[in-house]
Amino acid sequence: MQHSIDGIKIDVQTIGFNETQELIDQIENELRRLLRFRKDVVAADFYFSEDGTNPENNKVVRWRLGVPGNDLFAEARSGSFPAGLRDAGEKLRRQFVD
């Protein structure tokens, strides 16, 4: 499903479940947190899925940021989608500094 925050196009893809308002709110919070460090984001794509191999760490979050030049990408595995979203966001933030 597509959303928009501050002119940034957001695409959310969930595999095997429907997105909830709580998940959308978490996405918005994490994206706003990253926007404090980088203002030239034009798009953000989020992919959420479950991997059945490890029930304690089976939530997979993939996050792509559309920025001028090469897009940035991060992936995280966690026990919950909000934790995975935060982990992926931290990986993206570190790419800003490098």
PDB file of N, CA and C in Angstrom:
ATOM      1  N   MET A   1       0.851  -1.176   0.000  1.00  0.00           N
ATOM      2  CA  MET A   1       0.000   0.000   0.000  1.00  0.00           C
ATOM      3  C   MET A   1       0.892   1.233   0.000  1.00  0.00           C
ATOM      4  N   GLN A   2       0.463   2.262  -0.693  1.00  0.00           N
ATOM      5  CA  GLN A   2       1.266   3.476  -0.767  1.00  0.00           C
ATOM      6  C   GLN A   2       0.740   4.546   0.185  1.00  0.00           C
ATOM      7  N   HIS A   3       1.681   5.269   0.763  1.00  0.00           N
ATOM      8  CA  HIS A   3       1.404   6.357   1.685  1.00  0.00           C
ATOM      9  C   HIS A   3       2.325   7.510   1.317  1.00  0.00           C
ATOM     10  N   SER A   4       2.189   8.616   2.029  1.00  0.00           N
ATOM     11  CA  SER A   4       3.078   9.755   1.812  1.00  0.00           C
ATOM     12  C   SER A   4       3.277  10.494   3.126  1.00  0.00           C
ATOM     13  N   ILE A   5       4.516  10.890   3.374  1.00  0.00           N
ATOM     14  CA  ILE A   5       4.862  11.689   4.548  1.00  0.00           C
ATOM     15  C   ILE A   5       5.766  12.811   4.071  1.00  0.00           C
ATOM     16  N   ASP A   6       5.373  14.037   4.317  1.00  0.00           N
ATOM     17  CA  ASP A   6       6.197  15.198   3.979  1.00  0.00           C
ATOM     18  C   ASP A   6       6.700  15.142   2.531  1.00  0.00           C
ATOM     19  N   GLY A   7       5.857  14.685   1.608  1.00  0.00           N
ATOM     20  CA  GLY A   7       6.227  14.619   0.205  1.00  0.00           C
ATOM     21  C   GLY A   7       7.060  13.410  -0.179  1.00  0.00           C
ATOM     22  N   ILE A   8       7.303  12.513   0.757  1.00  0.00           N
ATOM     23  CA  ILE A   8       8.075  11.307   0.489  1.00  0.00           C
ATOM     24  C   ILE A   8       7.102  10.168   0.198  1.00  0.00           C
ATOM     25  N   LYS A   9       7.267   9.554  -0.964  1.00  0.00           N
ATOM     26  CA  LYS A   9       6.418   8.428  -1.343  1.00  0.00           C
ATOM     27  C   LYS A   9       6.840   7.192  -0.557  1.00  0.00           C
ATOM     28  N   ILE A  10       5.891   6.566   0.111  1.00  0.00           N
ATOM     29  CA  ILE A  10       6.171   5.385   0.916  1.00  0.00           C
ATOM     30  C   ILE A  10       5.381   4.211   0.351  1.00  0.00           C
ATOM     31  N   ASP A  11       6.078   3.113   0.101  1.00  0.00           N
ATOM     32  CA  ASP A  11       5.450   1.890  -0.374  1.00  0.00           C
ATOM     33  C   ASP A  11       5.693   0.803   0.663  1.00  0.00           C
ATOM     34  N   VAL A  12       4.616   0.176   1.125  1.00  0.00           N
ATOM     35  CA  VAL A  12       4.715  -0.876   2.133  1.00  0.00           C
ATOM     36  C   VAL A  12       4.213  -2.174   1.521  1.00  0.00           C
ATOM     37  N   GLN A  13       5.056  -3.193   1.542  1.00  0.00           N
ATOM     38  CA  GLN A  13       4.695  -4.516   1.041  1.00  0.00           C
ATOM     39  C   GLN A  13       4.769  -5.499   2.202  1.00  0.00           C
ATOM     40  N   THR A  14       3.662  -6.185   2.445  1.00  0.00           N
ATOM     41  CA  THR A  14       3.639  -7.210   3.481  1.00  0.00           C
ATOM     42  C   THR A  14       3.351  -8.543   2.812  1.00  0.00           C
ATOM     43  N   ILE A  15       4.067  -9.559   3.219  1.00  0.00           N
ATOM     44  CA  ILE A  15       3.899 -10.884   2.636  1.00  0.00           C
ATOM     45  C   ILE A  15       3.311 -11.810   3.698  1.00  0.00           C
ATOM     46  N   GLY A  16       2.108 -12.305   3.435  1.00  0.00           N
ATOM     47  CA  GLY A  16       1.468 -13.263   4.334  1.00  0.00           C
ATOM     48  C   GLY A  16       0.615 -12.651   5.421  1.00  0.00           C
ATOM     49  N   PHE A  17       0.497 -11.336   5.474  1.00  0.00           N
ATOM     50  CA  PHE A  17      -0.347 -10.687   6.465  1.00  0.00           C
ATOM     51  C   PHE A  17      -0.708  -9.297   5.967  1.00  0.00           C
ATOM     52  N   ASN A  18      -1.690  -8.678   6.592  1.00  0.00           N
ATOM     53  CA  ASN A  18      -2.099  -7.324   6.229  1.00  0.00           C
ATOM     54  C   ASN A  18      -1.439  -6.315   7.168  1.00  0.00           C
ATOM     55  N   GLU A  19      -1.083  -5.175   6.607  1.00  0.00           N
ATOM     56  CA  GLU A  19      -0.490  -4.128   7.443  1.00  0.00           C
ATOM     57  C   GLU A  19      -1.534  -3.580   8.402  1.00  0.00           C
ATOM     58  N   THR A  20      -1.079  -3.190   9.566  1.00  0.00           N
ATOM     59  CA  THR A  20      -1.962  -2.606  10.572  1.00  0.00           C
ATOM     60  C   THR A  20      -1.623  -1.127  10.726  1.00  0.00           C
ATOM     61  N   GLN A  21      -2.519  -0.386  11.320  1.00  0.00           N
ATOM     62  CA  GLN A  21      -2.257   1.024  11.573  1.00  0.00           C
ATOM     63  C   GLN A  21      -1.077   1.192  12.518  1.00  0.00           C
ATOM     64  N   GLU A  22      -0.929   0.269  13.448  1.00  0.00           N
ATOM     65  CA  GLU A  22       0.211   0.314  14.372  1.00  0.00           C
ATOM     66  C   GLU A  22       1.535   0.186  13.612  1.00  0.00           C
ATOM     67  N   LEU A  23       1.581  -0.705  12.619  1.00  0.00           N
ATOM     68  CA  LEU A  23       2.784  -0.863  11.816  1.00  0.00           C
ATOM     69  C   LEU A  23       3.058   0.398  10.994  1.00  0.00           C
ATOM     70  N   ILE A  24       2.019   0.982  10.414  1.00  0.00           N
ATOM     71  CA  ILE A  24       2.174   2.222   9.642  1.00  0.00           C
ATOM     72  C   ILE A  24       2.693   3.344  10.539  1.00  0.00           C
ATOM     73  N   ASP A  25       2.163   3.446  11.742  1.00  0.00           N
ATOM     74  CA  ASP A  25       2.633   4.462  12.686  1.00  0.00           C
ATOM     75  C   ASP A  25       4.103   4.259  13.025  1.00  0.00           C
ATOM     76  N   GLN A  26       4.513   3.005  13.217  1.00  0.00           N
ATOM     77  CA  GLN A  26       5.915   2.704  13.525  1.00  0.00           C
ATOM     78  C   GLN A  26       6.806   3.090  12.345  1.00  0.00           C
ATOM     79  N   ILE A  27       6.348   2.796  11.124  1.00  0.00           N
ATOM     80  CA  ILE A  27       7.102   3.168   9.923  1.00  0.00           C
ATOM     81  C   ILE A  27       7.287   4.681   9.877  1.00  0.00           C
ATOM     82  N   GLU A  28       6.208   5.417  10.100  1.00  0.00           N
ATOM     83  CA  GLU A  28       6.279   6.883  10.072  1.00  0.00           C
ATOM     84  C   GLU A  28       7.247   7.402  11.126  1.00  0.00           C
ATOM     85  N   ASN A  29       7.197   6.847  12.324  1.00  0.00           N
ATOM     86  CA  ASN A  29       8.105   7.287  13.391  1.00  0.00           C
ATOM     87  C   ASN A  29       9.564   7.036  13.027  1.00  0.00           C
ATOM     88  N   GLU A  30       9.863   5.856  12.510  1.00  0.00           N
ATOM     89  CA  GLU A  30      11.248   5.536  12.152  1.00  0.00           C
ATOM     90  C   GLU A  30      11.731   6.397  10.989  1.00  0.00           C
ATOM     91  N   LEU A  31      10.853   6.629  10.008  1.00  0.00           N
ATOM     92  CA  LEU A  31      11.240   7.457   8.879  1.00  0.00           C
ATOM     93  C   LEU A  31      11.499   8.895   9.327  1.00  0.00           C
ATOM     94  N   ARG A  32      10.639   9.425  10.171  1.00  0.00           N
ATOM     95  CA  ARG A  32      10.855  10.791  10.679  1.00  0.00           C
ATOM     96  C   ARG A  32      12.160  10.886  11.470  1.00  0.00           C
ATOM     97  N   ARG A  33      12.493   9.844  12.201  1.00  0.00           N
ATOM     98  CA  ARG A  33      13.746   9.829  12.959  1.00  0.00           C
ATOM     99  C   ARG A  33      14.942   9.903  12.006  1.00  0.00           C
ATOM    100  N   LEU A  34      14.872   9.164  10.886  1.00  0.00           N
ATOM    101  CA  LEU A  34      15.964   9.209   9.905  1.00  0.00           C
ATOM    102  C   LEU A  34      16.034  10.536   9.175  1.00  0.00           C
ATOM    103  N   LEU A  35      14.894  11.182   8.979  1.00  0.00           N
ATOM    104  CA  LEU A  35      14.878  12.453   8.258  1.00  0.00           C
ATOM    105  C   LEU A  35      15.600  13.559   9.018  1.00  0.00           C
ATOM    106  N   ARG A  36      15.846  13.367  10.304  1.00  0.00           N
ATOM    107  CA  ARG A  36      16.646  14.340  11.057  1.00  0.00           C
ATOM    108  C   ARG A  36      18.087  14.353  10.575  1.00  0.00           C
ATOM    109  N   PHE A  37      18.534  13.221   9.996  1.00  0.00           N
ATOM    110  CA  PHE A  37      19.919  13.094   9.566  1.00  0.00           C
ATOM    111  C   PHE A  37      20.106  13.336   8.074  1.00  0.00           C
ATOM    112  N   ARG A  38      19.043  13.157   7.304  1.00  0.00           N
ATOM    113  CA  ARG A  38      19.160  13.311   5.849  1.00  0.00           C
ATOM    114  C   ARG A  38      17.848  13.861   5.306  1.00  0.00           C
ATOM    115  N   LYS A  39      17.920  14.986   4.596  1.00  0.00           N
ATOM    116  CA  LYS A  39      16.725  15.690   4.129  1.00  0.00           C
ATOM    117  C   LYS A  39      16.370  15.408   2.674  1.00  0.00           C
ATOM    118  N   ASP A  40      17.225  14.715   1.930  1.00  0.00           N
ATOM    119  CA  ASP A  40      16.993  14.545   0.497  1.00  0.00           C
ATOM    120  C   ASP A  40      16.331  13.218   0.116  1.00  0.00           C
ATOM    121  N   VAL A  41      15.629  12.596   1.037  1.00  0.00           N
ATOM    122  CA  VAL A  41      14.927  11.340   0.763  1.00  0.00           C
ATOM    123  C   VAL A  41      13.686  11.642  -0.069  1.00  0.00           C
ATOM    124  N   VAL A  42      13.510  10.909  -1.178  1.00  0.00           N
ATOM    125  CA  VAL A  42      12.346  11.118  -2.037  1.00  0.00           C
ATOM    126  C   VAL A  42      11.379   9.949  -1.992  1.00  0.00           C
ATOM    127  N   ALA A  43      11.854   8.762  -1.570  1.00  0.00           N
ATOM    128  CA  ALA A  43      10.992   7.587  -1.509  1.00  0.00           C
ATOM    129  C   ALA A  43      11.522   6.624  -0.448  1.00  0.00           C
ATOM    130  N   ALA A  44      10.616   5.828   0.081  1.00  0.00           N
ATOM    131  CA  ALA A  44      10.991   4.798   1.043  1.00  0.00           C
ATOM    132  C   ALA A  44      10.128   3.570   0.782  1.00  0.00           C
ATOM    133  N   ASP A  45      10.766   2.432   0.596  1.00  0.00           N
ATOM    134  CA  ASP A  45      10.063   1.176   0.360  1.00  0.00           C
ATOM    135  C   ASP A  45      10.349   0.239   1.517  1.00  0.00           C
ATOM    136  N   PHE A  46       9.293  -0.362   2.025  1.00  0.00           N
ATOM    137  CA  PHE A  46       9.401  -1.280   3.155  1.00  0.00           C
ATOM    138  C   PHE A  46       8.822  -2.630   2.755  1.00  0.00           C
ATOM    139  N   TYR A  47       9.563  -3.688   3.064  1.00  0.00           N
ATOM    140  CA  TYR A  47       9.122  -5.048   2.772  1.00  0.00           C
ATOM    141  C   TYR A  47       9.159  -5.847   4.065  1.00  0.00           C
ATOM    142  N   PHE A  48       8.028  -6.407   4.435  1.00  0.00           N
ATOM    143  CA  PHE A  48       7.910  -7.171   5.674  1.00  0.00           C
ATOM    144  C   PHE A  48       7.518  -8.605   5.326  1.00  0.00           C
ATOM    145  N   SER A  49       8.238  -9.566   5.905  1.00  0.00           N
ATOM    146  CA  SER A  49       7.897 -10.969   5.682  1.00  0.00           C
ATOM    147  C   SER A  49       8.306 -11.777   6.909  1.00  0.00           C
ATOM    148  N   GLU A  50       7.828 -13.014   6.930  1.00  0.00           N
ATOM    149  CA  GLU A  50       8.202 -13.938   7.993  1.00  0.00           C
ATOM    150  C   GLU A  50       8.950 -15.101   7.373  1.00  0.00           C
ATOM    151  N   ASP A  51      10.031 -15.488   8.029  1.00  0.00           N
ATOM    152  CA  ASP A  51      10.836 -16.616   7.594  1.00  0.00           C
ATOM    153  C   ASP A  51      10.669 -17.693   8.657  1.00  0.00           C
ATOM    154  N   GLY A  52      10.178 -18.839   8.274  1.00  0.00           N
ATOM    155  CA  GLY A  52       9.843 -19.876   9.240  1.00  0.00           C
ATOM    156  C   GLY A  52      10.999 -20.669   9.789  1.00  0.00           C
ATOM    157  N   THR A  53      12.231 -20.311   9.476  1.00  0.00           N
ATOM    158  CA  THR A  53      13.360 -21.130   9.897  1.00  0.00           C
ATOM    159  C   THR A  53      13.682 -21.003  11.389  1.00  0.00           C
ATOM    160  N   ASN A  54      13.443 -19.855  11.979  1.00  0.00           N
ATOM    161  CA  ASN A  54      13.771 -19.647  13.393  1.00  0.00           C
ATOM    162  C   ASN A  54      12.633 -18.862  14.034  1.00  0.00           C
ATOM    163  N   PRO A  55      11.775 -19.491  14.825  1.00  0.00           N
ATOM    164  CA  PRO A  55      10.600 -18.797  15.363  1.00  0.00           C
ATOM    165  C   PRO A  55      10.920 -17.622  16.279  1.00  0.00           C
ATOM    166  N   GLU A  56      12.124 -17.565  16.861  1.00  0.00           N
ATOM    167  CA  GLU A  56      12.479 -16.456  17.743  1.00  0.00           C
ATOM    168  C   GLU A  56      13.025 -15.259  16.977  1.00  0.00           C
ATOM    169  N   ASN A  57      13.396 -15.470  15.729  1.00  0.00           N
ATOM    170  CA  ASN A  57      14.019 -14.407  14.946  1.00  0.00           C
ATOM    171  C   ASN A  57      13.503 -14.482  13.509  1.00  0.00           C
ATOM    172  N   ASN A  58      12.178 -14.606  13.353  1.00  0.00           N
ATOM    173  CA  ASN A  58      11.623 -14.904  12.039  1.00  0.00           C
ATOM    174  C   ASN A  58      11.023 -13.712  11.302  1.00  0.00           C
ATOM    175  N   LYS A  59      11.075 -12.525  11.854  1.00  0.00           N
ATOM    176  CA  LYS A  59      10.530 -11.342  11.187  1.00  0.00           C
ATOM    177  C   LYS A  59      11.650 -10.678  10.376  1.00  0.00           C
ATOM    178  N   VAL A  60      11.396 -10.481   9.084  1.00  0.00           N
ATOM    179  CA  VAL A  60      12.391  -9.895   8.193  1.00  0.00           C
ATOM    180  C   VAL A  60      11.869  -8.551   7.701  1.00  0.00           C
ATOM    181  N   VAL A  61      12.697  -7.523   7.852  1.00  0.00           N
ATOM    182  CA  VAL A  61      12.361  -6.177   7.389  1.00  0.00           C
ATOM    183  C   VAL A  61      13.431  -5.747   6.399  1.00  0.00           C
ATOM    184  N   ARG A  62      12.990  -5.339   5.217  1.00  0.00           N
ATOM    185  CA  ARG A  62      13.888  -4.784   4.204  1.00  0.00           C
ATOM    186  C   ARG A  62      13.432  -3.353   3.947  1.00  0.00           C
ATOM    187  N   TRP A  63      14.381  -2.438   3.920  1.00  0.00           N
ATOM    188  CA  TRP A  63      14.052  -1.018   3.825  1.00  0.00           C
ATOM    189  C   TRP A  63      14.966  -0.383   2.792  1.00  0.00           C
ATOM    190  N   ARG A  64      14.371   0.237   1.772  1.00  0.00           N
ATOM    191  CA  ARG A  64      15.122   0.938   0.740  1.00  0.00           C
ATOM    192  C   ARG A  64      14.750   2.407   0.774  1.00  0.00           C
ATOM    193  N   LEU A  65      15.762   3.259   0.794  1.00  0.00           N
ATOM    194  CA  LEU A  65      15.544   4.701   0.743  1.00  0.00           C
ATOM    195  C   LEU A  65      15.968   5.225  -0.621  1.00  0.00           C
ATOM    196  N   GLY A  66      15.069   5.929  -1.280  1.00  0.00           N
ATOM    197  CA  GLY A  66      15.391   6.573  -2.541  1.00  0.00           C
ATOM    198  C   GLY A  66      15.988   7.940  -2.265  1.00  0.00           C
ATOM    199  N   VAL A  67      17.241   8.090  -2.624  1.00  0.00           N
ATOM    200  CA  VAL A  67      17.959   9.355  -2.438  1.00  0.00           C
ATOM    201  C   VAL A  67      18.686   9.663  -3.746  1.00  0.00           C
ATOM    202  N   PRO A  68      19.080  10.910  -3.971  1.00  0.00           N
ATOM    203  CA  PRO A  68      19.864  11.216  -5.172  1.00  0.00           C
ATOM    204  C   PRO A  68      21.132  10.365  -5.211  1.00  0.00           C
ATOM    205  N   GLY A  69      21.452   9.861  -6.383  1.00  0.00           N
ATOM    206  CA  GLY A  69      22.589   8.945  -6.499  1.00  0.00           C
ATOM    207  C   GLY A  69      22.114   7.528  -6.268  1.00  0.00           C
ATOM    208  N   ASN A  70      22.929   6.751  -5.605  1.00  0.00           N
ATOM    209  CA  ASN A  70      22.569   5.363  -5.324  1.00  0.00           C
ATOM    210  C   ASN A  70      21.613   5.276  -4.143  1.00  0.00           C
ATOM    211  N   ASP A  71      20.557   4.456  -4.290  1.00  0.00           N
ATOM    212  CA  ASP A  71      19.629   4.241  -3.187  1.00  0.00           C
ATOM    213  C   ASP A  71      20.339   3.500  -2.058  1.00  0.00           C
ATOM    214  N   LEU A  72      19.811   3.655  -0.862  1.00  0.00           N
ATOM    215  CA  LEU A  72      20.359   2.984   0.308  1.00  0.00           C
ATOM    216  C   LEU A  72      19.434   1.823   0.682  1.00  0.00           C
ATOM    217  N   PHE A  73      20.015   0.729   1.175  1.00  0.00           N
ATOM    218  CA  PHE A  73      19.233  -0.455   1.510  1.00  0.00           C
ATOM    219  C   PHE A  73      19.750  -1.061   2.800  1.00  0.00           C
ATOM    220  N   ALA A  74      18.814  -1.569   3.602  1.00  0.00           N
ATOM    221  CA  ALA A  74      19.192  -2.285   4.819  1.00  0.00           C
ATOM    222  C   ALA A  74      18.172  -3.384   5.077  1.00  0.00           C
ATOM    223  N   GLU A  75      18.633  -4.447   5.691  1.00  0.00           N
ATOM    224  CA  GLU A  75      17.783  -5.577   6.046  1.00  0.00           C
ATOM    225  C   GLU A  75      18.068  -5.959   7.488  1.00  0.00           C
ATOM    226  N   ALA A  76      17.017  -6.362   8.199  1.00  0.00           N
ATOM    227  CA  ALA A  76      17.187  -6.790   9.590  1.00  0.00           C
ATOM    228  C   ALA A  76      16.247  -7.942   9.888  1.00  0.00           C
ATOM    229  N   ARG A  77      16.683  -8.823  10.774  1.00  0.00           N
ATOM    230  CA  ARG A  77      15.859  -9.930  11.272  1.00  0.00           C
ATOM    231  C   ARG A  77      15.689  -9.725  12.772  1.00  0.00           C
ATOM    232  N   SER A  78      14.464 -10.002  13.223  1.00  0.00           N
ATOM    233  CA  SER A  78      14.189  -9.782  14.640  1.00  0.00           C
ATOM    234  C   SER A  78      13.001 -10.641  15.059  1.00  0.00           C
ATOM    235  N   GLY A  79      12.677 -10.572  16.333  1.00  0.00           N
ATOM    236  CA  GLY A  79      11.515 -11.279  16.851  1.00  0.00           C
ATOM    237  C   GLY A  79      10.220 -10.530  16.629  1.00  0.00           C
ATOM    238  N   SER A  80      10.309  -9.245  16.258  1.00  0.00           N
ATOM    239  CA  SER A  80       9.106  -8.444  15.987  1.00  0.00           C
ATOM    240  C   SER A  80       9.403  -7.470  14.854  1.00  0.00           C
ATOM    241  N   PHE A  81       8.352  -7.060  14.159  1.00  0.00           N
ATOM    242  CA  PHE A  81       8.539  -6.111  13.072  1.00  0.00           C
ATOM    243  C   PHE A  81       9.023  -4.741  13.560  1.00  0.00           C
ATOM    244  N   PRO A  82       8.480  -4.187  14.658  1.00  0.00           N
ATOM    245  CA  PRO A  82       9.001  -2.893  15.118  1.00  0.00           C
ATOM    246  C   PRO A  82      10.497  -2.929  15.458  1.00  0.00           C
ATOM    247  N   ALA A  83      10.948  -4.014  16.086  1.00  0.00           N
ATOM    248  CA  ALA A  83      12.376  -4.127  16.416  1.00  0.00           C
ATOM    249  C   ALA A  83      13.210  -4.253  15.146  1.00  0.00           C
ATOM    250  N   GLY A  84      12.728  -5.017  14.171  1.00  0.00           N
ATOM    251  CA  GLY A  84      13.438  -5.147  12.906  1.00  0.00           C
ATOM    252  C   GLY A  84      13.490  -3.835  12.145  1.00  0.00           C
ATOM    253  N   LEU A  85      12.396  -3.076  12.225  1.00  0.00           N
ATOM    254  CA  LEU A  85      12.336  -1.775  11.564  1.00  0.00           C
ATOM    255  C   LEU A  85      13.361  -0.821  12.166  1.00  0.00           C
ATOM    256  N   ARG A  86      13.468  -0.828  13.479  1.00  0.00           N
ATOM    257  CA  ARG A  86      14.447   0.033  14.148  1.00  0.00           C
ATOM    258  C   ARG A  86      15.877  -0.396  13.811  1.00  0.00           C
ATOM    259  N   ASP A  87      16.127  -1.705  13.795  1.00  0.00           N
ATOM    260  CA  ASP A  87      17.467  -2.201  13.457  1.00  0.00           C
ATOM    261  C   ASP A  87      17.856  -1.801  12.030  1.00  0.00           C
ATOM    262  N   ALA A  88      16.932  -1.977  11.087  1.00  0.00           N
ATOM    263  CA  ALA A  88      17.208  -1.596   9.698  1.00  0.00           C
ATOM    264  C   ALA A  88      17.418  -0.087   9.598  1.00  0.00           C
ATOM    265  N   GLY A  89      16.638   0.683  10.344  1.00  0.00           N
ATOM    266  CA  GLY A  89      16.800   2.138  10.351  1.00  0.00           C
ATOM    267  C   GLY A  89      18.165   2.552  10.857  1.00  0.00           C
ATOM    268  N   GLU A  90      18.665   1.852  11.874  1.00  0.00           N
ATOM    269  CA  GLU A  90      20.005   2.147  12.397  1.00  0.00           C
ATOM    270  C   GLU A  90      21.077   1.834  11.358  1.00  0.00           C
ATOM    271  N   LYS A  91      20.893   0.751  10.624  1.00  0.00           N
ATOM    272  CA  LYS A  91      21.847   0.413   9.572  1.00  0.00           C
ATOM    273  C   LYS A  91      21.852   1.485   8.486  1.00  0.00           C
ATOM    274  N   LEU A  92      20.683   1.992   8.138  1.00  0.00           N
ATOM    275  CA  LEU A  92      20.606   3.068   7.146  1.00  0.00           C
ATOM    276  C   LEU A  92      21.268   4.337   7.661  1.00  0.00           C
ATOM    277  N   ARG A  93      21.022   4.672   8.912  1.00  0.00           N
ATOM    278  CA  ARG A  93      21.609   5.883   9.491  1.00  0.00           C
ATOM    279  C   ARG A  93      23.126   5.815   9.460  1.00  0.00           C
ATOM    280  N   ARG A  94      23.669   4.654   9.742  1.00  0.00           N
ATOM    281  CA  ARG A  94      25.132   4.490   9.688  1.00  0.00           C
ATOM    282  C   ARG A  94      25.671   4.681   8.270  1.00  0.00           C
ATOM    283  N   GLN A  95      24.854   4.349   7.259  1.00  0.00           N
ATOM    284  CA  GLN A  95      25.285   4.564   5.882  1.00  0.00           C
ATOM    285  C   GLN A  95      25.361   6.061   5.563  1.00  0.00           C
ATOM    286  N   PHE A  96      24.569   6.886   6.240  1.00  0.00           N
ATOM    287  CA  PHE A  96      24.609   8.338   6.029  1.00  0.00           C
ATOM    288  C   PHE A  96      25.973   8.892   6.441  1.00  0.00           C
ATOM    289  N   VAL A  97      26.497   8.358   7.528  1.00  0.00           N
ATOM    290  CA  VAL A  97      27.723   8.887   8.117  1.00  0.00           C
ATOM    291  C   VAL A  97      28.945   8.409   7.335  1.00  0.00           C
ATOM    292  N   ASP A  98      28.909   7.195   6.832  1.00  0.00           N
ATOM    293  CA  ASP A  98      30.060   6.615   6.114  1.00  0.00           C
ATOM    294  C   ASP A  98      30.311   7.241   4.776  1.00  0.00           C
TER     295      ASP A  98
END
